[in-house]
Amino acid sequence: MAVLKTAQVAVGMELAEAVTNIRGAILFKAGTVLTRKHIKALKAWGITELDVQDDNTAPAGPEQVQDSQTIEVLTPNTEIEEEVYFIFQKTDMEDPVIKEMYRLSIETRASNYQGA
């Protein structure tokens, strides 16, 4: 097992351990072979480090990696809304300013996820 920064991982590397978000929800299972979409999602979720297999620190050849693999990440909009709600949960959500800040926070996180 090797711990790498997300910026150092490459397509074809295999996760040695599950990757979770800040609330403990599993985003990717151990054994997932990373694709470009996986790496993009990891960056979007703010994952800074991950454990990859030592024997797989060199990326696999293209025949071993398919970009069409299913990403095992939770629905981003639902997850984003939960994270933003967690931040705003003790505020007065009836206040128009708070409502707008809440809406903008969700919109910004969602656009950051799509543009990552």
C-alpha atoms as a PDB file:
ATOM      1  CA  MET A   1       0.000   0.000   0.000  1.00  0.00           C
ATOM      2  CA  ALA A   2       1.287   3.477  -0.905  1.00  0.00           C
ATOM      3  CA  VAL A   3      -0.286   6.771   0.160  1.00  0.00           C
ATOM      4  CA  LEU A   4      -0.296   9.266  -2.709  1.00  0.00           C
ATOM      5  CA  LYS A   5      -1.607  12.785  -3.125  1.00  0.00           C
ATOM      6  CA  THR A   6      -4.606  12.903  -5.448  1.00  0.00           C
ATOM      7  CA  ALA A   7      -2.538  14.963  -7.901  1.00  0.00           C
ATOM      8  CA  GLN A   8      -0.041  12.064  -8.117  1.00  0.00           C
ATOM      9  CA  VAL A   9      -2.467   9.245  -8.901  1.00  0.00           C
ATOM     10  CA  ALA A  10      -2.873   8.067 -12.472  1.00  0.00           C
ATOM     11  CA  VAL A  11      -5.398   6.200 -14.549  1.00  0.00           C
ATOM     12  CA  GLY A  12      -5.040   2.469 -13.949  1.00  0.00           C
ATOM     13  CA  MET A  13      -3.979   2.602 -10.304  1.00  0.00           C
ATOM     14  CA  GLU A  14      -5.977   0.410  -7.927  1.00  0.00           C
ATOM     15  CA  LEU A  15      -7.312   1.636  -4.583  1.00  0.00           C
ATOM     16  CA  ALA A  16      -5.943  -0.330  -1.636  1.00  0.00           C
ATOM     17  CA  GLU A  17      -8.591   1.069   0.721  1.00  0.00           C
ATOM     18  CA  ALA A  18     -12.056   2.541   0.354  1.00  0.00           C
ATOM     19  CA  VAL A  19     -12.297   6.295  -0.137  1.00  0.00           C
ATOM     20  CA  THR A  20     -14.868   8.101   1.998  1.00  0.00           C
ATOM     21  CA  ASN A  21     -16.167  11.647   2.181  1.00  0.00           C
ATOM     22  CA  ILE A  22     -16.000  13.810   5.314  1.00  0.00           C
ATOM     23  CA  ARG A  23     -19.206  12.233   6.628  1.00  0.00           C
ATOM     24  CA  GLY A  24     -17.915   8.667   6.195  1.00  0.00           C
ATOM     25  CA  ALA A  25     -19.966   7.728   3.128  1.00  0.00           C
ATOM     26  CA  ILE A  26     -18.044   5.442   0.784  1.00  0.00           C
ATOM     27  CA  LEU A  27     -17.276   7.129  -2.518  1.00  0.00           C
ATOM     28  CA  PHE A  28     -15.149   4.321  -4.008  1.00  0.00           C
ATOM     29  CA  LYS A  29     -14.599   0.760  -2.827  1.00  0.00           C
ATOM     30  CA  ALA A  30     -11.182  -0.804  -2.240  1.00  0.00           C
ATOM     31  CA  GLY A  31     -10.043  -2.478  -5.443  1.00  0.00           C
ATOM     32  CA  THR A  32     -11.483   0.196  -7.733  1.00  0.00           C
ATOM     33  CA  VAL A  33      -9.222   0.722 -10.761  1.00  0.00           C
ATOM     34  CA  LEU A  34      -9.056   4.471 -11.301  1.00  0.00           C
ATOM     35  CA  THR A  35     -10.222   6.092 -14.522  1.00  0.00           C
ATOM     36  CA  ARG A  36     -10.090   9.762 -15.500  1.00  0.00           C
ATOM     37  CA  LYS A  37     -13.665  10.111 -14.265  1.00  0.00           C
ATOM     38  CA  HIS A  38     -12.730   8.652 -10.878  1.00  0.00           C
ATOM     39  CA  ILE A  39      -9.794  11.033 -10.503  1.00  0.00           C
ATOM     40  CA  LYS A  40     -11.961  13.979 -11.511  1.00  0.00           C
ATOM     41  CA  ALA A  41     -14.568  12.984  -8.915  1.00  0.00           C
ATOM     42  CA  LEU A  42     -11.893  12.577  -6.213  1.00  0.00           C
ATOM     43  CA  LYS A  43     -10.653  16.102  -6.862  1.00  0.00           C
ATOM     44  CA  ALA A  44     -14.216  17.436  -6.901  1.00  0.00           C
ATOM     45  CA  TRP A  45     -14.904  15.880  -3.485  1.00  0.00           C
ATOM     46  CA  GLY A  46     -11.726  17.423  -2.094  1.00  0.00           C
ATOM     47  CA  ILE A  47      -9.986  14.094  -1.443  1.00  0.00           C
ATOM     48  CA  THR A  48      -6.311  14.983  -0.951  1.00  0.00           C
ATOM     49  CA  GLU A  49      -4.725  11.545  -0.398  1.00  0.00           C
ATOM     50  CA  LEU A  50      -5.508   7.922  -1.137  1.00  0.00           C
ATOM     51  CA  ASP A  51      -4.054   4.497  -0.561  1.00  0.00           C
ATOM     52  CA  VAL A  52      -3.158   2.656  -3.753  1.00  0.00           C
ATOM     53  CA  GLN A  53      -1.695  -0.812  -4.303  1.00  0.00           C
ATOM     54  CA  ASP A  54       2.135  -0.785  -4.157  1.00  0.00           C
ATOM     55  CA  ASP A  55       2.467  -3.155  -7.087  1.00  0.00           C
ATOM     56  CA  ASN A  56       0.239  -0.867  -9.102  1.00  0.00           C
ATOM     57  CA  THR A  57       1.961   2.478  -8.701  1.00  0.00           C
ATOM     58  CA  ALA A  58       2.652   2.428 -12.439  1.00  0.00           C
ATOM     59  CA  PRO A  59      -0.535   2.955 -14.421  1.00  0.00           C
ATOM     60  CA  ALA A  60      -2.066  -0.028 -16.166  1.00  0.00           C
ATOM     61  CA  GLY A  61      -2.101  -0.213 -19.931  1.00  0.00           C
ATOM     62  CA  PRO A  62      -5.133   1.053 -21.826  1.00  0.00           C
ATOM     63  CA  GLU A  63      -6.400  -2.475 -22.344  1.00  0.00           C
ATOM     64  CA  GLN A  64      -6.854  -2.785 -18.574  1.00  0.00           C
ATOM     65  CA  VAL A  65      -8.696   0.502 -18.023  1.00  0.00           C
ATOM     66  CA  GLN A  66     -12.049   1.439 -19.434  1.00  0.00           C
ATOM     67  CA  ASP A  67     -13.456   4.942 -18.999  1.00  0.00           C
ATOM     68  CA  SER A  68     -16.927   3.458 -19.185  1.00  0.00           C
ATOM     69  CA  GLN A  69     -16.493   1.809 -15.781  1.00  0.00           C
ATOM     70  CA  THR A  70     -19.258   2.710 -13.378  1.00  0.00           C
ATOM     71  CA  ILE A  71     -18.254   5.387 -10.917  1.00  0.00           C
ATOM     72  CA  GLU A  72     -19.303   4.207  -7.484  1.00  0.00           C
ATOM     73  CA  VAL A  73     -19.755   7.715  -6.150  1.00  0.00           C
ATOM     74  CA  LEU A  74     -22.965   8.941  -4.577  1.00  0.00           C
ATOM     75  CA  THR A  75     -25.136  11.279  -6.593  1.00  0.00           C
ATOM     76  CA  PRO A  76     -23.220  14.559  -6.427  1.00  0.00           C
ATOM     77  CA  ASN A  77     -26.214  16.872  -6.079  1.00  0.00           C
ATOM     78  CA  THR A  78     -27.618  14.890  -3.165  1.00  0.00           C
ATOM     79  CA  GLU A  79     -24.227  14.737  -1.476  1.00  0.00           C
ATOM     80  CA  ILE A  80     -23.577  18.430  -2.100  1.00  0.00           C
ATOM     81  CA  GLU A  81     -26.949  19.370  -0.655  1.00  0.00           C
ATOM     82  CA  GLU A  82     -26.255  17.261   2.451  1.00  0.00           C
ATOM     83  CA  GLU A  83     -22.852  18.857   2.978  1.00  0.00           C
ATOM     84  CA  VAL A  84     -24.186  22.389   2.530  1.00  0.00           C
ATOM     85  CA  TYR A  85     -27.165  21.657   4.777  1.00  0.00           C
ATOM     86  CA  PHE A  86     -24.734  20.448   7.452  1.00  0.00           C
ATOM     87  CA  ILE A  87     -23.015  23.840   7.317  1.00  0.00           C
ATOM     88  CA  PHE A  88     -26.281  25.805   7.442  1.00  0.00           C
ATOM     89  CA  GLN A  89     -28.254  23.569   9.806  1.00  0.00           C
ATOM     90  CA  LYS A  90     -28.182  25.955  12.767  1.00  0.00           C
ATOM     91  CA  THR A  91     -29.146  29.039  10.811  1.00  0.00           C
ATOM     92  CA  ASP A  92     -32.543  30.604  10.214  1.00  0.00           C
ATOM     93  CA  MET A  93     -33.411  29.159   6.813  1.00  0.00           C
ATOM     94  CA  GLU A  94     -36.412  31.500   6.584  1.00  0.00           C
ATOM     95  CA  ASP A  95     -34.106  34.527   6.447  1.00  0.00           C
ATOM     96  CA  PRO A  96     -33.911  35.588   2.768  1.00  0.00           C
ATOM     97  CA  VAL A  97     -30.170  36.311   2.989  1.00  0.00           C
ATOM     98  CA  ILE A  98     -29.426  32.864   4.479  1.00  0.00           C
ATOM     99  CA  LYS A  99     -31.691  31.233   1.881  1.00  0.00           C
ATOM    100  CA  GLU A 100     -29.772  32.920  -0.916  1.00  0.00           C
ATOM    101  CA  MET A 101     -26.386  32.011   0.595  1.00  0.00           C
ATOM    102  CA  TYR A 102     -27.560  28.398   0.905  1.00  0.00           C
ATOM    103  CA  ARG A 103     -28.729  28.338  -2.725  1.00  0.00           C
ATOM    104  CA  LEU A 104     -25.496  29.914  -3.970  1.00  0.00           C
ATOM    105  CA  SER A 105     -23.388  27.492  -1.929  1.00  0.00           C
ATOM    106  CA  ILE A 106     -25.116  24.503  -3.518  1.00  0.00           C
ATOM    107  CA  GLU A 107     -24.861  26.053  -6.982  1.00  0.00           C
ATOM    108  CA  THR A 108     -21.155  26.837  -6.563  1.00  0.00           C
ATOM    109  CA  ARG A 109     -20.268  23.369  -5.259  1.00  0.00           C
ATOM    110  CA  ALA A 110     -22.247  21.726  -8.049  1.00  0.00           C
ATOM    111  CA  SER A 111     -20.525  23.799 -10.733  1.00  0.00           C
ATOM    112  CA  ASN A 112     -17.129  23.065  -9.154  1.00  0.00           C
ATOM    113  CA  TYR A 113     -17.947  19.366  -9.280  1.00  0.00           C
ATOM    114  CA  GLN A 114     -18.923  19.532 -12.955  1.00  0.00           C
ATOM    115  CA  GLY A 115     -15.902  21.623 -13.892  1.00  0.00           C
ATOM    116  CA  ALA A 116     -13.297  19.602 -11.970  1.00  0.00           C
END
